[in-house]
C-alpha atoms as a PDB file:
ATOM      1  CA  GLN A   1     149.294 135.837 186.828  1.00  0.00           C
ATOM      2  CA  VAL A   2     149.946 132.620 184.573  1.00  0.00           C
ATOM      3  CA  GLN A   3     146.758 130.911 183.590  1.00  0.00           C
ATOM      4  CA  LEU A   4     146.585 127.529 181.882  1.00  0.00           C
ATOM      5  CA  VAL A   5     143.455 126.652 180.245  1.00  0.00           C
ATOM      6  CA  GLU A   6     142.705 123.049 179.257  1.00  0.00           C
ATOM      7  CA  SER A   7     140.382 121.618 176.631  1.00  0.00           C
ATOM      8  CA  GLY A   8     139.585 118.293 175.294  1.00  0.00           C
ATOM      9  CA  GLY A   9     138.992 115.126 177.320  1.00  0.00           C
ATOM     10  CA  GLY A  10     135.481 113.297 177.831  1.00  0.00           C
ATOM     11  CA  LEU A  11     134.308 109.798 177.504  1.00  0.00           C
ATOM     12  CA  THR A  12     135.507 107.122 175.254  1.00  0.00           C
ATOM     13  CA  GLN A  13     135.428 103.223 174.966  1.00  0.00           C
ATOM     14  CA  PRO A  14     138.560 101.101 175.628  1.00  0.00           C
ATOM     15  CA  GLY A  15     140.818 101.283 172.717  1.00  0.00           C
ATOM     16  CA  GLY A  16     139.668 104.667 171.712  1.00  0.00           C
ATOM     17  CA  SER A  17     141.485 108.005 171.317  1.00  0.00           C
ATOM     18  CA  LEU A  18     141.169 111.449 172.825  1.00  0.00           C
ATOM     19  CA  GLY A  19     143.299 114.623 172.748  1.00  0.00           C
ATOM     20  CA  LEU A  20     143.875 117.226 175.284  1.00  0.00           C
ATOM     21  CA  SER A  21     145.214 120.741 174.707  1.00  0.00           C
ATOM     22  CA  CYS A  22     146.389 123.361 177.175  1.00  0.00           C
ATOM     23  CA  VAL A  23     147.065 126.991 176.234  1.00  0.00           C
ATOM     24  CA  ALA A  24     149.047 129.439 178.399  1.00  0.00           C
ATOM     25  CA  ASN A  25     148.250 133.169 178.587  1.00  0.00           C
ATOM     26  CA  ARG A  26     152.002 134.133 178.125  1.00  0.00           C
ATOM     27  CA  SER A  27     154.724 132.938 175.904  1.00  0.00           C
ATOM     28  CA  SER A  28     155.649 129.418 176.400  1.00  0.00           C
ATOM     29  CA  PHE A  29     159.148 130.372 175.886  1.00  0.00           C
ATOM     30  CA  SER A  30     158.997 131.506 179.490  1.00  0.00           C
ATOM     31  CA  PHE A  31     158.457 127.914 180.617  1.00  0.00           C
ATOM     32  CA  ASN A  32     160.975 125.231 180.853  1.00  0.00           C
ATOM     33  CA  GLY A  33     159.186 121.930 181.256  1.00  0.00           C
ATOM     34  CA  MET A  34     155.488 121.585 180.393  1.00  0.00           C
ATOM     35  CA  GLY A  35     153.246 118.563 180.577  1.00  0.00           C
ATOM     36  CA  TRP A  36     150.489 116.542 182.082  1.00  0.00           C
ATOM     37  CA  TYR A  37     149.743 114.854 185.285  1.00  0.00           C
ATOM     38  CA  ARG A  38     146.703 112.899 186.078  1.00  0.00           C
ATOM     39  CA  GLN A  39     144.681 111.840 189.214  1.00  0.00           C
ATOM     40  CA  ALA A  40     142.478 108.753 189.418  1.00  0.00           C
ATOM     41  CA  PRO A  41     139.906 108.493 192.065  1.00  0.00           C
ATOM     42  CA  GLY A  42     141.400 107.668 195.357  1.00  0.00           C
ATOM     43  CA  LYS A  43     144.932 107.907 194.146  1.00  0.00           C
ATOM     44  CA  GLU A  44     147.762 110.323 194.138  1.00  0.00           C
ATOM     45  CA  ARG A  45     148.510 112.679 191.208  1.00  0.00           C
ATOM     46  CA  GLU A  46     151.030 110.870 188.903  1.00  0.00           C
ATOM     47  CA  LEU A  47     153.240 112.236 186.101  1.00  0.00           C
ATOM     48  CA  VAL A  48     152.022 111.328 182.616  1.00  0.00           C
ATOM     49  CA  ALA A  49     154.231 113.065 180.150  1.00  0.00           C
ATOM     50  CA  THR A  50     156.746 116.052 180.012  1.00  0.00           C
ATOM     51  CA  ILE A  51     158.134 118.025 177.294  1.00  0.00           C
ATOM     52  CA  SER A  52     161.021 120.391 177.666  1.00  0.00           C
ATOM     53  CA  ARG A  53     161.538 123.974 175.975  1.00  0.00           C
ATOM     54  CA  GLY A  54     163.788 122.038 173.530  1.00  0.00           C
ATOM     55  CA  ALA A  55     161.072 119.440 172.714  1.00  0.00           C
ATOM     56  CA  VAL A  56     162.660 116.497 174.681  1.00  0.00           C
ATOM     57  CA  SER A  57     159.680 114.347 175.864  1.00  0.00           C
ATOM     58  CA  ASN A  58     159.377 111.796 178.661  1.00  0.00           C
ATOM     59  CA  TYR A  59     156.574 109.461 179.469  1.00  0.00           C
ATOM     60  CA  SER A  60     155.541 107.279 182.264  1.00  0.00           C
ATOM     61  CA  ASP A  61     155.824 103.626 181.616  1.00  0.00           C
ATOM     62  CA  SER A  62     152.262 103.187 181.758  1.00  0.00           C
ATOM     63  CA  VAL A  63     151.498 105.432 178.664  1.00  0.00           C
ATOM     64  CA  LYS A  64     154.650 104.909 176.683  1.00  0.00           C
ATOM     65  CA  GLY A  65     153.827 104.041 173.211  1.00  0.00           C
ATOM     66  CA  ARG A  66     150.275 104.984 173.309  1.00  0.00           C
ATOM     67  CA  PHE A  67     150.427 108.787 174.374  1.00  0.00           C
ATOM     68  CA  THR A  68     152.222 111.563 172.415  1.00  0.00           C
ATOM     69  CA  ILE A  69     153.093 114.992 173.896  1.00  0.00           C
ATOM     70  CA  SER A  70     153.675 117.965 171.855  1.00  0.00           C
ATOM     71  CA  ARG A  71     154.386 121.616 172.303  1.00  0.00           C
ATOM     72  CA  ASN A  72     153.913 124.634 170.137  1.00  0.00           C
ATOM     73  CA  ASN A  73     155.861 127.710 171.428  1.00  0.00           C
ATOM     74  CA  VAL A  74     154.189 129.889 168.892  1.00  0.00           C
ATOM     75  CA  LYS A  75     150.700 129.182 169.955  1.00  0.00           C
ATOM     76  CA  ASN A  76     151.727 128.725 173.671  1.00  0.00           C
ATOM     77  CA  THR A  77     150.294 125.232 173.862  1.00  0.00           C
ATOM     78  CA  VAL A  78     151.034 121.717 174.985  1.00  0.00           C
ATOM     79  CA  SER A  79     148.929 118.998 173.855  1.00  0.00           C
ATOM     80  CA  LEU A  80     148.498 115.221 174.645  1.00  0.00           C
ATOM     81  CA  GLN A  81     147.373 112.736 172.169  1.00  0.00           C
ATOM     82  CA  MET A  82     146.081 109.564 173.868  1.00  0.00           C
ATOM     83  CA  ASN A  83     145.464 106.378 171.802  1.00  0.00           C
ATOM     84  CA  VAL A  84     144.521 102.852 172.729  1.00  0.00           C
ATOM     85  CA  LEU A  85     143.001 104.143 175.864  1.00  0.00           C
ATOM     86  CA  LYS A  86     142.546 101.830 178.832  1.00  0.00           C
ATOM     87  CA  PRO A  87     140.075 102.060 181.698  1.00  0.00           C
ATOM     88  CA  GLU A  88     143.058 102.685 183.971  1.00  0.00           C
ATOM     89  CA  ASP A  89     143.783 105.832 182.134  1.00  0.00           C
ATOM     90  CA  THR A  90     140.656 107.265 183.731  1.00  0.00           C
ATOM     91  CA  GLY A  91     141.110 110.336 185.925  1.00  0.00           C
ATOM     92  CA  VAL A  92     141.340 114.103 186.020  1.00  0.00           C
ATOM     93  CA  TYR A  93     144.233 115.291 183.628  1.00  0.00           C
ATOM     94  CA  TYR A  94     146.057 118.411 184.799  1.00  0.00           C
ATOM     95  CA  CYS A  95     148.388 120.592 182.434  1.00  0.00           C
ATOM     96  CA  TYR A  96     151.379 122.236 184.090  1.00  0.00           C
ATOM     97  CA  ALA A  97     154.043 124.589 183.219  1.00  0.00           C
ATOM     98  CA  GLN A  98     157.315 125.354 185.061  1.00  0.00           C
ATOM     99  CA  SER A  99     158.704 128.883 184.911  1.00  0.00           C
ATOM    100  CA  TRP A 100     162.238 129.025 183.295  1.00  0.00           C
ATOM    101  CA  SER A 101     163.182 131.903 185.612  1.00  0.00           C
ATOM    102  CA  SER A 102     161.818 131.092 188.975  1.00  0.00           C
ATOM    103  CA  GLY A 103     160.968 127.399 188.897  1.00  0.00           C
ATOM    104  CA  GLU A 104     157.512 128.208 190.088  1.00  0.00           C
ATOM    105  CA  ILE A 105     154.937 125.562 188.736  1.00  0.00           C
ATOM    106  CA  TYR A 106     151.491 126.623 187.376  1.00  0.00           C
ATOM    107  CA  TRP A 107     148.635 124.350 187.082  1.00  0.00           C
ATOM    108  CA  GLY A 108     145.547 124.116 184.942  1.00  0.00           C
ATOM    109  CA  GLN A 109     141.975 123.508 186.324  1.00  0.00           C
ATOM    110  CA  GLY A 110     141.843 119.956 185.209  1.00  0.00           C
ATOM    111  CA  THR A 111     139.889 118.020 182.571  1.00  0.00           C
ATOM    112  CA  GLN A 112     138.125 114.708 182.987  1.00  0.00           C
ATOM    113  CA  VAL A 113     139.018 111.644 180.912  1.00  0.00           C
ATOM    114  CA  THR A 114     136.790 108.664 181.383  1.00  0.00           C
ATOM    115  CA  VAL A 115     137.459 105.334 179.514  1.00  0.00           C
ATOM    116  CA  SER A 116     134.690 102.940 179.968  1.00  0.00           C
ATOM    117  CA  SER A 117     132.571 100.410 177.948  1.00  0.00           C
END
């Protein structure tokens, strides 16, 4: 059973920074894409950033230039550094990982990010 455990998040003011980290209980070499989604209250879950096994990253337009995704295949982690945070970045952030062999997608439990003055 694949488990993804997130850490980080919390409360910050607009313009602030937060970091998220997600660790998998098995080698991240077994995953193709890894990344982050978020869900704001009353809205659908949306893609934030992804990173491939070869470290090719993609970002949603709303976070491009402010967020940085990284992946460590030795520590089995995917991280998200969030800078210049805005109130509209508020939501629950979910880590995901897609199996290289089966295509199955696994999810973390979610971590709250709140940007408010």
